[in-house]
PDB file of N, CA and C in Angstrom:
ATOM      1  N   MET A   1      19.027 102.881-126.146  1.00  0.00           N
ATOM      2  CA  MET A   1      18.854 104.312-126.323  1.00  0.00           C
ATOM      3  C   MET A   1      20.129 105.029-125.872  1.00  0.00           C
ATOM      4  N   LYS A   2      20.446 106.098-126.538  1.00  0.00           N
ATOM      5  CA  LYS A   2      21.639 106.882-126.231  1.00  0.00           C
ATOM      6  C   LYS A   2      21.379 107.761-125.006  1.00  0.00           C
ATOM      7  N   ASP A   3      22.453 108.207-124.368  1.00  0.00           N
ATOM      8  CA  ASP A   3      22.341 108.922-123.096  1.00  0.00           C
ATOM      9  C   ASP A   3      22.207 110.441-123.210  1.00  0.00           C
ATOM     10  N   TYR A   4      22.565 111.022-124.364  1.00  0.00           N
ATOM     11  CA  TYR A   4      22.535 112.480-124.520  1.00  0.00           C
ATOM     12  C   TYR A   4      21.865 112.857-125.832  1.00  0.00           C
ATOM     13  N   ILE A   5      21.150 113.985-125.792  1.00  0.00           N
ATOM     14  CA  ILE A   5      20.541 114.546-126.996  1.00  0.00           C
ATOM     15  C   ILE A   5      21.215 115.883-127.271  1.00  0.00           C
ATOM     16  N   VAL A   6      21.703 116.043-128.493  1.00  0.00           N
ATOM     17  CA  VAL A   6      22.281 117.309-128.930  1.00  0.00           C
ATOM     18  C   VAL A   6      21.204 118.021-129.741  1.00  0.00           C
ATOM     19  N   VAL A   7      20.915 119.265-129.373  1.00  0.00           N
ATOM     20  CA  VAL A   7      19.864 120.030-130.032  1.00  0.00           C
ATOM     21  C   VAL A   7      20.486 121.237-130.720  1.00  0.00           C
ATOM     22  N   HIS A   8      20.178 121.377-132.026  1.00  0.00           N
ATOM     23  CA  HIS A   8      20.631 122.534-132.806  1.00  0.00           C
ATOM     24  C   HIS A   8      19.390 123.178-133.409  1.00  0.00           C
ATOM     25  N   TYR A   9      19.084 124.391-132.944  1.00  0.00           N
ATOM     26  CA  TYR A   9      17.926 125.133-133.451  1.00  0.00           C
ATOM     27  C   TYR A   9      18.439 126.335-134.227  1.00  0.00           C
ATOM     28  N   ASP A  10      18.085 126.414-135.504  1.00  0.00           N
ATOM     29  CA  ASP A  10      18.591 127.487-136.364  1.00  0.00           C
ATOM     30  C   ASP A  10      17.593 128.620-136.581  1.00  0.00           C
ATOM     31  N   GLY A  11      16.520 128.627-135.815  1.00  0.00           N
ATOM     32  CA  GLY A  11      15.506 129.660-135.970  1.00  0.00           C
ATOM     33  C   GLY A  11      14.305 129.182-136.762  1.00  0.00           C
ATOM     34  N   ASN A  12      14.499 128.150-137.575  1.00  0.00           N
ATOM     35  CA  ASN A  12      13.412 127.585-138.376  1.00  0.00           C
ATOM     36  C   ASN A  12      13.147 126.124-138.056  1.00  0.00           C
ATOM     37  N   SER A  13      14.206 125.380-137.860  1.00  0.00           N
ATOM     38  CA  SER A  13      14.043 123.948-137.606  1.00  0.00           C
ATOM     39  C   SER A  13      14.948 123.495-136.468  1.00  0.00           C
ATOM     40  N   THR A  14      14.548 122.392-135.868  1.00  0.00           N
ATOM     41  CA  THR A  14      15.310 121.808-134.767  1.00  0.00           C
ATOM     42  C   THR A  14      15.879 120.477-135.229  1.00  0.00           C
ATOM     43  N   ASN A  15      17.179 120.310-135.048  1.00  0.00           N
ATOM     44  CA  ASN A  15      17.845 119.058-135.391  1.00  0.00           C
ATOM     45  C   ASN A  15      18.295 118.377-134.111  1.00  0.00           C
ATOM     46  N   LEU A  16      17.927 117.110-133.960  1.00  0.00           N
ATOM     47  CA  LEU A  16      18.301 116.327-132.786  1.00  0.00           C
ATOM     48  C   LEU A  16      19.290 115.247-133.198  1.00  0.00           C
ATOM     49  N   THR A  17      20.327 115.087-132.392  1.00  0.00           N
ATOM     50  CA  THR A  17      21.307 114.024-132.601  1.00  0.00           C
ATOM     51  C   THR A  17      21.542 113.360-131.254  1.00  0.00           C
ATOM     52  N   TYR A  18      21.556 112.049-131.241  1.00  0.00           N
ATOM     53  CA  TYR A  18      21.748 111.300-129.998  1.00  0.00           C
ATOM     54  C   TYR A  18      23.188 110.807-129.910  1.00  0.00           C
ATOM     55  N   THR A  19      23.791 110.929-128.710  1.00  0.00           N
ATOM     56  CA  THR A  19      25.160 110.463-128.495  1.00  0.00           C
ATOM     57  C   THR A  19      25.228 109.631-127.214  1.00  0.00           C
ATOM     58  N   ASP A  20      26.326 108.889-127.082  1.00  0.00           N
ATOM     59  CA  ASP A  20      26.514 108.034-125.907  1.00  0.00           C
ATOM     60  C   ASP A  20      27.051 108.786-124.699  1.00  0.00           C
ATOM     61  N   THR A  21      27.917 109.772-124.924  1.00  0.00           N
ATOM     62  CA  THR A  21      28.568 110.466-123.813  1.00  0.00           C
ATOM     63  C   THR A  21      28.464 111.973-123.986  1.00  0.00           C
ATOM     64  N   GLU A  22      28.692 112.683-122.885  1.00  0.00           N
ATOM     65  CA  GLU A  22      28.717 114.147-122.944  1.00  0.00           C
ATOM     66  C   GLU A  22      29.859 114.619-123.832  1.00  0.00           C
ATOM     67  N   GLU A  23      30.988 113.933-123.760  1.00  0.00           N
ATOM     68  CA  GLU A  23      32.142 114.299-124.585  1.00  0.00           C
ATOM     69  C   GLU A  23      31.817 114.166-126.071  1.00  0.00           C
ATOM     70  N   ASP A  24      31.099 113.096-126.437  1.00  0.00           N
ATOM     71  CA  ASP A  24      30.684 112.920-127.831  1.00  0.00           C
ATOM     72  C   ASP A  24      29.741 114.041-128.257  1.00  0.00           C
ATOM     73  N   ALA A  25      28.853 114.428-127.363  1.00  0.00           N
ATOM     74  CA  ALA A  25      27.903 115.504-127.663  1.00  0.00           C
ATOM     75  C   ALA A  25      28.637 116.822-127.895  1.00  0.00           C
ATOM     76  N   ARG A  26      29.594 117.114-127.031  1.00  0.00           N
ATOM     77  CA  ARG A  26      30.375 118.346-127.189  1.00  0.00           C
ATOM     78  C   ARG A  26      31.214 118.305-128.465  1.00  0.00           C
ATOM     79  N   ALA A  27      31.774 117.146-128.772  1.00  0.00           N
ATOM     80  CA  ALA A  27      32.565 116.993-129.999  1.00  0.00           C
ATOM     81  C   ALA A  27      31.684 117.201-131.232  1.00  0.00           C
ATOM     82  N   TYR A  28      30.450 116.713-131.174  1.00  0.00           N
ATOM     83  CA  TYR A  28      29.523 116.899-132.289  1.00  0.00           C
ATOM     84  C   TYR A  28      29.224 118.388-132.494  1.00  0.00           C
ATOM     85  N   LEU A  29      28.940 119.106-131.392  1.00  0.00           N
ATOM     86  CA  LEU A  29      28.692 120.547-131.507  1.00  0.00           C
ATOM     87  C   LEU A  29      29.925 121.268-132.039  1.00  0.00           C
ATOM     88  N   ALA A  30      31.099 120.863-131.576  1.00  0.00           N
ATOM     89  CA  ALA A  30      32.344 121.475-132.056  1.00  0.00           C
ATOM     90  C   ALA A  30      32.504 121.255-133.561  1.00  0.00           C
ATOM     91  N   ALA A  31      32.144 120.065-134.026  1.00  0.00           N
ATOM     92  CA  ALA A  31      32.224 119.774-135.459  1.00  0.00           C
ATOM     93  C   ALA A  31      31.254 120.655-136.247  1.00  0.00           C
ATOM     94  N   LEU A  32      30.057 120.869-135.711  1.00  0.00           N
ATOM     95  CA  LEU A  32      29.102 121.758-136.378  1.00  0.00           C
ATOM     96  C   LEU A  32      29.658 123.174-136.491  1.00  0.00           C
ATOM     97  N   ILE A  33      30.309 123.624-135.434  1.00  0.00           N
ATOM     98  CA  ILE A  33      30.875 124.979-135.432  1.00  0.00           C
ATOM     99  C   ILE A  33      32.030 125.082-136.421  1.00  0.00           C
ATOM    100  N   THR A  34      32.948 124.122-136.386  1.00  0.00           N
ATOM    101  CA  THR A  34      34.134 124.204-137.251  1.00  0.00           C
ATOM    102  C   THR A  34      33.799 124.028-138.723  1.00  0.00           C
ATOM    103  N   THR A  35      32.684 123.372-139.034  1.00  0.00           N
ATOM    104  CA  THR A  35      32.280 123.215-140.435  1.00  0.00           C
ATOM    105  C   THR A  35      31.264 124.281-140.856  1.00  0.00           C
ATOM    106  N   ASN A  36      31.151 125.327-140.052  1.00  0.00           N
ATOM    107  CA  ASN A  36      30.283 126.480-140.349  1.00  0.00           C
ATOM    108  C   ASN A  36      28.816 126.106-140.550  1.00  0.00           C
ATOM    109  N   GLN A  37      28.348 125.102-139.821  1.00  0.00           N
ATOM    110  CA  GLN A  37      26.934 124.735-139.875  1.00  0.00           C
ATOM    111  C   GLN A  37      26.125 125.442-138.792  1.00  0.00           C
ATOM    112  N   VAL A  38      26.814 126.204-137.936  1.00  0.00           N
ATOM    113  CA  VAL A  38      26.163 126.964-136.868  1.00  0.00           C
ATOM    114  C   VAL A  38      26.337 128.445-137.168  1.00  0.00           C
ATOM    115  N   ARG A  39      25.216 129.147-137.238  1.00  0.00           N
ATOM    116  CA  ARG A  39      25.270 130.593-137.449  1.00  0.00           C
ATOM    117  C   ARG A  39      25.315 131.314-136.110  1.00  0.00           C
ATOM    118  N   LYS A  40      25.546 132.612-136.170  1.00  0.00           N
ATOM    119  CA  LYS A  40      25.673 133.447-134.973  1.00  0.00           C
ATOM    120  C   LYS A  40      24.443 133.361-134.065  1.00  0.00           C
ATOM    121  N   ASP A  41      23.253 133.309-134.644  1.00  0.00           N
ATOM    122  CA  ASP A  41      22.019 133.336-133.857  1.00  0.00           C
ATOM    123  C   ASP A  41      21.440 131.956-133.539  1.00  0.00           C
ATOM    124  N   ASP A  42      22.148 130.893-133.866  1.00  0.00           N
ATOM    125  CA  ASP A  42      21.647 129.543-133.589  1.00  0.00           C
ATOM    126  C   ASP A  42      21.717 129.222-132.098  1.00  0.00           C
ATOM    127  N   THR A  43      20.824 128.357-131.671  1.00  0.00           N
ATOM    128  CA  THR A  43      20.803 127.887-130.288  1.00  0.00           C
ATOM    129  C   THR A  43      21.290 126.444-130.255  1.00  0.00           C
ATOM    130  N   LEU A  44      22.219 126.181-129.336  1.00  0.00           N
ATOM    131  CA  LEU A  44      22.753 124.832-129.166  1.00  0.00           C
ATOM    132  C   LEU A  44      22.532 124.381-127.734  1.00  0.00           C
ATOM    133  N   SER A  45      22.227 123.101-127.570  1.00  0.00           N
ATOM    134  CA  SER A  45      22.089 122.568-126.216  1.00  0.00           C
ATOM    135  C   SER A  45      22.394 121.075-126.200  1.00  0.00           C
ATOM    136  N   ILE A  46      22.700 120.607-124.991  1.00  0.00           N
ATOM    137  CA  ILE A  46      22.919 119.183-124.740  1.00  0.00           C
ATOM    138  C   ILE A  46      22.049 118.809-123.549  1.00  0.00           C
ATOM    139  N   VAL A  47      21.272 117.746-123.705  1.00  0.00           N
ATOM    140  CA  VAL A  47      20.378 117.287-122.643  1.00  0.00           C
ATOM    141  C   VAL A  47      20.751 115.852-122.272  1.00  0.00           C
ATOM    142  N   ARG A  48      20.915 115.599-120.969  1.00  0.00           N
ATOM    143  CA  ARG A  48      21.140 114.233-120.485  1.00  0.00           C
ATOM    144  C   ARG A  48      19.768 113.560-120.394  1.00  0.00           C
ATOM    145  N   VAL A  49      19.604 112.446-121.063  1.00  0.00           N
ATOM    146  CA  VAL A  49      18.302 111.804-121.223  1.00  0.00           C
ATOM    147  C   VAL A  49      17.736 111.252-119.916  1.00  0.00           C
ATOM    148  N   CYS A  50      18.556 110.614-119.096  1.00  0.00           N
ATOM    149  CA  CYS A  50      18.045 109.894-117.919  1.00  0.00           C
ATOM    150  C   CYS A  50      17.280 110.786-116.943  1.00  0.00           C
ATOM    151  N   ASP A  51      17.653 112.068-116.845  1.00  0.00           N
ATOM    152  CA  ASP A  51      16.970 112.959-115.903  1.00  0.00           C
ATOM    153  C   ASP A  51      16.588 114.313-116.517  1.00  0.00           C
ATOM    154  N   ASP A  52      16.658 114.404-117.850  1.00  0.00           N
ATOM    155  CA  ASP A  52      16.327 115.642-118.571  1.00  0.00           C
ATOM    156  C   ASP A  52      17.167 116.829-118.106  1.00  0.00           C
ATOM    157  N   TYR A  53      18.380 116.559-117.678  1.00  0.00           N
ATOM    158  CA  TYR A  53      19.251 117.625-117.181  1.00  0.00           C
ATOM    159  C   TYR A  53      19.865 118.382-118.355  1.00  0.00           C
ATOM    160  N   LEU A  54      19.792 119.699-118.304  1.00  0.00           N
ATOM    161  CA  LEU A  54      20.355 120.549-119.345  1.00  0.00           C
ATOM    162  C   LEU A  54      21.843 120.750-119.058  1.00  0.00           C
ATOM    163  N   VAL A  55      22.676 120.026-119.780  1.00  0.00           N
ATOM    164  CA  VAL A  55      24.123 120.043-119.571  1.00  0.00           C
ATOM    165  C   VAL A  55      24.738 121.298-120.165  1.00  0.00           C
ATOM    166  N   TYR A  56      24.264 121.692-121.346  1.00  0.00           N
ATOM    167  CA  TYR A  56      24.800 122.866-122.042  1.00  0.00           C
ATOM    168  C   TYR A  56      23.655 123.573-122.739  1.00  0.00           C
ATOM    169  N   PHE A  57      23.667 124.904-122.678  1.00  0.00           N
ATOM    170  CA  PHE A  57      22.683 125.696-123.405  1.00  0.00           C
ATOM    171  C   PHE A  57      23.280 127.063-123.692  1.00  0.00           C
ATOM    172  N   LYS A  58      23.220 127.463-124.945  1.00  0.00           N
ATOM    173  CA  LYS A  58      23.662 128.816-125.312  1.00  0.00           C
ATOM    174  C   LYS A  58      22.812 129.256-126.491  1.00  0.00           C
ATOM    175  N   ARG A  59      22.172 130.396-126.323  1.00  0.00           N
ATOM    176  CA  ARG A  59      21.216 130.883-127.314  1.00  0.00           C
ATOM    177  C   ARG A  59      21.877 131.443-128.570  1.00  0.00           C
ATOM    178  N   ARG A  60      23.049 132.051-128.445  1.00  0.00           N
ATOM    179  CA  ARG A  60      23.735 132.608-129.623  1.00  0.00           C
ATOM    180  C   ARG A  60      25.212 132.749-129.325  1.00  0.00           C
ATOM    181  N   ASN A  61      25.958 133.084-130.373  1.00  0.00           N
ATOM    182  CA  ASN A  61      27.413 133.266-130.266  1.00  0.00           C
ATOM    183  C   ASN A  61      28.114 132.036-129.699  1.00  0.00           C
ATOM    184  N   ASN A  62      27.741 130.874-130.159  1.00  0.00           N
ATOM    185  CA  ASN A  62      28.402 129.636-129.746  1.00  0.00           C
ATOM    186  C   ASN A  62      29.787 129.567-130.378  1.00  0.00           C
ATOM    187  N   THR A  63      30.768 129.222-129.589  1.00  0.00           N
ATOM    188  CA  THR A  63      32.145 129.090-130.068  1.00  0.00           C
ATOM    189  C   THR A  63      32.714 127.762-129.574  1.00  0.00           C
ATOM    190  N   LEU A  64      33.867 127.395-130.114  1.00  0.00           N
ATOM    191  CA  LEU A  64      34.534 126.187-129.626  1.00  0.00           C
ATOM    192  C   LEU A  64      34.840 126.317-128.146  1.00  0.00           C
ATOM    193  N   LYS A  65      35.199 127.528-127.730  1.00  0.00           N
ATOM    194  CA  LYS A  65      35.531 127.747-126.320  1.00  0.00           C
ATOM    195  C   LYS A  65      34.319 127.501-125.421  1.00  0.00           C
ATOM    196  N   THR A  66      33.155 127.986-125.824  1.00  0.00           N
ATOM    197  CA  THR A  66      31.968 127.793-124.978  1.00  0.00           C
ATOM    198  C   THR A  66      31.509 126.340-124.979  1.00  0.00           C
ATOM    199  N   VAL A  67      31.621 125.683-126.119  1.00  0.00           N
ATOM    200  CA  VAL A  67      31.180 124.289-126.211  1.00  0.00           C
ATOM    201  C   VAL A  67      32.149 123.350-125.507  1.00  0.00           C
ATOM    202  N   LEU A  68      33.437 123.553-125.719  1.00  0.00           N
ATOM    203  CA  LEU A  68      34.441 122.636-125.168  1.00  0.00           C
ATOM    204  C   LEU A  68      35.017 123.102-123.841  1.00  0.00           C
ATOM    205  N   GLY A  69      34.813 124.366-123.491  1.00  0.00           N
ATOM    206  CA  GLY A  69      35.429 124.925-122.294  1.00  0.00           C
ATOM    207  C   GLY A  69      34.699 124.638-121.010  1.00  0.00           C
ATOM    208  N   LYS A  70      33.797 123.700-120.996  1.00  0.00           N
ATOM    209  CA  LYS A  70      32.982 123.401-119.824  1.00  0.00           C
ATOM    210  C   LYS A  70      33.689 122.485-118.840  1.00  0.00           C
ATOM    211  N   LYS A  71      34.912 122.057-119.125  1.00  0.00           N
ATOM    212  CA  LYS A  71      35.586 121.068-118.289  1.00  0.00           C
ATOM    213  C   LYS A  71      35.800 121.552-116.862  1.00  0.00           C
ATOM    214  N   ALA A  72      35.975 122.839-116.661  1.00  0.00           N
ATOM    215  CA  ALA A  72      36.256 123.357-115.324  1.00  0.00           C
ATOM    216  C   ALA A  72      35.070 123.175-114.383  1.00  0.00           C
ATOM    217  N   GLN A  73      33.860 123.205-114.919  1.00  0.00           N
ATOM    218  CA  GLN A  73      32.669 123.066-114.082  1.00  0.00           C
ATOM    219  C   GLN A  73      31.899 121.835-114.531  1.00  0.00           C
ATOM    220  N   THR A  74      31.716 120.909-113.641  1.00  0.00           N
ATOM    221  CA  THR A  74      30.990 119.695-113.989  1.00  0.00           C
ATOM    222  C   THR A  74      29.488 119.943-113.894  1.00  0.00           C
ATOM    223  N   SER A  75      28.729 119.061-114.462  1.00  0.00           N
ATOM    224  CA  SER A  75      27.278 119.160-114.397  1.00  0.00           C
ATOM    225  C   SER A  75      26.809 118.945-112.965  1.00  0.00           C
ATOM    226  N   VAL A  76      25.853 119.747-112.541  1.00  0.00           N
ATOM    227  CA  VAL A  76      25.288 119.587-111.210  1.00  0.00           C
ATOM    228  C   VAL A  76      23.771 119.581-111.316  1.00  0.00           C
ATOM    229  N   SER A  77      23.150 118.895-110.397  1.00  0.00           N
ATOM    230  CA  SER A  77      21.694 118.863-110.381  1.00  0.00           C
ATOM    231  C   SER A  77      21.172 120.157-109.754  1.00  0.00           C
ATOM    232  N   TRP A  78      19.889 120.376-109.892  1.00  0.00           N
ATOM    233  CA  TRP A  78      19.283 121.585-109.333  1.00  0.00           C
ATOM    234  C   TRP A  78      19.475 121.634-107.824  1.00  0.00           C
ATOM    235  N   SER A  79      19.299 120.500-107.140  1.00  0.00           N
ATOM    236  CA  SER A  79      19.448 120.492-105.681  1.00  0.00           C
ATOM    237  C   SER A  79      20.886 120.794-105.274  1.00  0.00           C
ATOM    238  N   GLU A  80      21.864 120.268-106.014  1.00  0.00           N
ATOM    239  CA  GLU A  80      23.266 120.585-105.710  1.00  0.00           C
ATOM    240  C   GLU A  80      23.537 122.071-105.935  1.00  0.00           C
ATOM    241  N   PHE A  81      22.959 122.614-107.016  1.00  0.00           N
ATOM    242  CA  PHE A  81      23.143 124.030-107.320  1.00  0.00           C
ATOM    243  C   PHE A  81      22.536 124.899-106.218  1.00  0.00           C
ATOM    244  N   TRP A  82      21.331 124.542-105.777  1.00  0.00           N
ATOM    245  CA  TRP A  82      20.617 125.345-104.795  1.00  0.00           C
ATOM    246  C   TRP A  82      21.148 125.129-103.387  1.00  0.00           C
ATOM    247  N   LEU A  83      21.374 123.884-102.990  1.00  0.00           N
ATOM    248  CA  LEU A  83      21.773 123.580-101.623  1.00  0.00           C
ATOM    249  C   LEU A  83      23.249 123.831-101.358  1.00  0.00           C
ATOM    250  N   GLY A  84      24.073 123.851-102.390  1.00  0.00           N
ATOM    251  CA  GLY A  84      25.498 124.113-102.193  1.00  0.00           C
ATOM    252  C   GLY A  84      25.732 125.450-101.509  1.00  0.00           C
ATOM    253  N   PRO A  85      25.264 126.574-102.076  1.00  0.00           N
ATOM    254  CA  PRO A  85      25.435 127.870-101.424  1.00  0.00           C
ATOM    255  C   PRO A  85      24.710 127.956-100.083  1.00  0.00           C
ATOM    256  N   THR A  86      23.553 127.321 -99.963  1.00  0.00           N
ATOM    257  CA  THR A  86      22.813 127.340 -98.704  1.00  0.00           C
ATOM    258  C   THR A  86      23.596 126.626 -97.615  1.00  0.00           C
ATOM    259  N   GLN A  87      24.164 125.493 -97.955  1.00  0.00           N
ATOM    260  CA  GLN A  87      24.954 124.743 -96.982  1.00  0.00           C
ATOM    261  C   GLN A  87      26.169 125.556 -96.540  1.00  0.00           C
ATOM    262  N   GLU A  88      26.813 126.226 -97.476  1.00  0.00           N
ATOM    263  CA  GLU A  88      27.968 127.067 -97.138  1.00  0.00           C
ATOM    264  C   GLU A  88      27.551 128.202 -96.204  1.00  0.00           C
ATOM    265  N   LEU A  89      26.418 128.831 -96.489  1.00  0.00           N
ATOM    266  CA  LEU A  89      25.915 129.912 -95.651  1.00  0.00           C
ATOM    267  C   LEU A  89      25.615 129.409 -94.242  1.00  0.00           C
ATOM    268  N   LEU A  90      24.956 128.261 -94.131  1.00  0.00           N
ATOM    269  CA  LEU A  90      24.627 127.710 -92.816  1.00  0.00           C
ATOM    270  C   LEU A  90      25.883 127.322 -92.039  1.00  0.00           C
ATOM    271  N   THR A  91      26.889 126.820 -92.732  1.00  0.00           N
ATOM    272  CA  THR A  91      28.152 126.473 -92.074  1.00  0.00           C
ATOM    273  C   THR A  91      28.807 127.719 -91.491  1.00  0.00           C
ATOM    274  N   LYS A  92      28.835 128.805 -92.264  1.00  0.00           N
ATOM    275  CA  LYS A  92      29.416 130.062 -91.775  1.00  0.00           C
ATOM    276  C   LYS A  92      28.622 130.601 -90.588  1.00  0.00           C
ATOM    277  N   LEU A  93      27.297 130.536 -90.680  1.00  0.00           N
ATOM    278  CA  LEU A  93      26.447 131.007 -89.593  1.00  0.00           C
ATOM    279  C   LEU A  93      26.692 130.188 -88.331  1.00  0.00           C
ATOM    280  N   TYR A  94      26.799 128.874 -88.475  1.00  0.00           N
ATOM    281  CA  TYR A  94      27.060 127.998 -87.338  1.00  0.00           C
ATOM    282  C   TYR A  94      28.392 128.355 -86.680  1.00  0.00           C
ATOM    283  N   LYS A  95      29.413 128.599 -87.490  1.00  0.00           N
ATOM    284  CA  LYS A  95      30.729 128.951 -86.944  1.00  0.00           C
ATOM    285  C   LYS A  95      30.660 130.271 -86.180  1.00  0.00           C
ATOM    286  N   LYS A  96      29.933 131.246 -86.732  1.00  0.00           N
ATOM    287  CA  LYS A  96      29.801 132.533 -86.044  1.00  0.00           C
ATOM    288  C   LYS A  96      29.072 132.364 -84.717  1.00  0.00           C
ATOM    289  N   LEU A  97      27.993 131.577 -84.723  1.00  0.00           N
ATOM    290  CA  LEU A  97      27.253 131.343 -83.488  1.00  0.00           C
ATOM    291  C   LEU A  97      28.105 130.580 -82.480  1.00  0.00           C
ATOM    292  N   ALA A  98      28.885 129.641 -82.958  1.00  0.00           N
ATOM    293  CA  ALA A  98      29.772 128.890 -82.065  1.00  0.00           C
ATOM    294  C   ALA A  98      30.810 129.820 -81.448  1.00  0.00           C
ATOM    295  N   ASN A  99      31.340 130.736 -82.246  1.00  0.00           N
ATOM    296  CA  ASN A  99      32.312 131.705 -81.724  1.00  0.00           C
ATOM    297  C   ASN A  99      31.670 132.618 -80.683  1.00  0.00           C
ATOM    298  N   LEU A 100      30.432 133.024 -80.920  1.00  0.00           N
ATOM    299  CA  LEU A 100      29.731 133.857 -79.946  1.00  0.00           C
ATOM    300  C   LEU A 100      29.486 133.078 -78.659  1.00  0.00           C
ATOM    301  N   GLY A 101      29.141 131.812 -78.805  1.00  0.00           N
ATOM    302  CA  GLY A 101      28.921 130.964 -77.636  1.00  0.00           C
ATOM    303  C   GLY A 101      30.192 130.799 -76.826  1.00  0.00           C
ATOM    304  N   VAL A 102      31.305 130.640 -77.490  1.00  0.00           N
ATOM    305  CA  VAL A 102      32.595 130.506 -76.808  1.00  0.00           C
ATOM    306  C   VAL A 102      32.951 131.816 -76.125  1.00  0.00           C
ATOM    307  N   ALA A 103      32.698 132.929 -76.821  1.00  0.00           N
ATOM    308  CA  ALA A 103      33.033 134.239 -76.251  1.00  0.00           C
ATOM    309  C   ALA A 103      32.164 134.531 -75.034  1.00  0.00           C
ATOM    310  N   SER A 104      30.861 134.239 -75.115  1.00  0.00           N
ATOM    311  CA  SER A 104      29.981 134.521 -73.979  1.00  0.00           C
ATOM    312  C   SER A 104      30.197 133.518 -72.850  1.00  0.00           C
ATOM    313  N   GLY A 105      30.601 132.307 -73.191  1.00  0.00           N
ATOM    314  CA  GLY A 105      30.859 131.305 -72.167  1.00  0.00           C
ATOM    315  C   GLY A 105      32.104 131.619 -71.356  1.00  0.00           C
ATOM    316  N   GLY A 106      32.997 132.436 -71.893  1.00  0.00           N
ATOM    317  CA  GLY A 106      34.244 132.773 -71.207  1.00  0.00           C
ATOM    318  C   GLY A 106      34.088 133.906 -70.212  1.00  0.00           C
ATOM    319  N   ARG A 107      32.922 134.534 -70.151  1.00  0.00           N
ATOM    320  CA  ARG A 107      32.721 135.684 -69.256  1.00  0.00           C
ATOM    321  C   ARG A 107      32.529 135.262 -67.853  1.00  0.00           C
TER     322      ARG A 107
END
């Protein structure tokens, strides 16, 4: 079985294509766009099969830039998305409390 599902919904029907890699999936969507098989209101998405992770989703106005421009941000799981900012907040809070402890300990 392939690792990624590419979904193209045109408002009437859903087309599924299976690919081996995320790069292949993005290349497939790019090919659909460049050959004018994607209209302005079409929905495109890429799903990683092993964990049903939504790698890419855009409801309309899909462009080569949106499909291929994802390199700057890698896929993250929900827990990484949620706990990342929380961990950063707790780290800052800990540092502030540590600074207060140092300041009060010096009195």
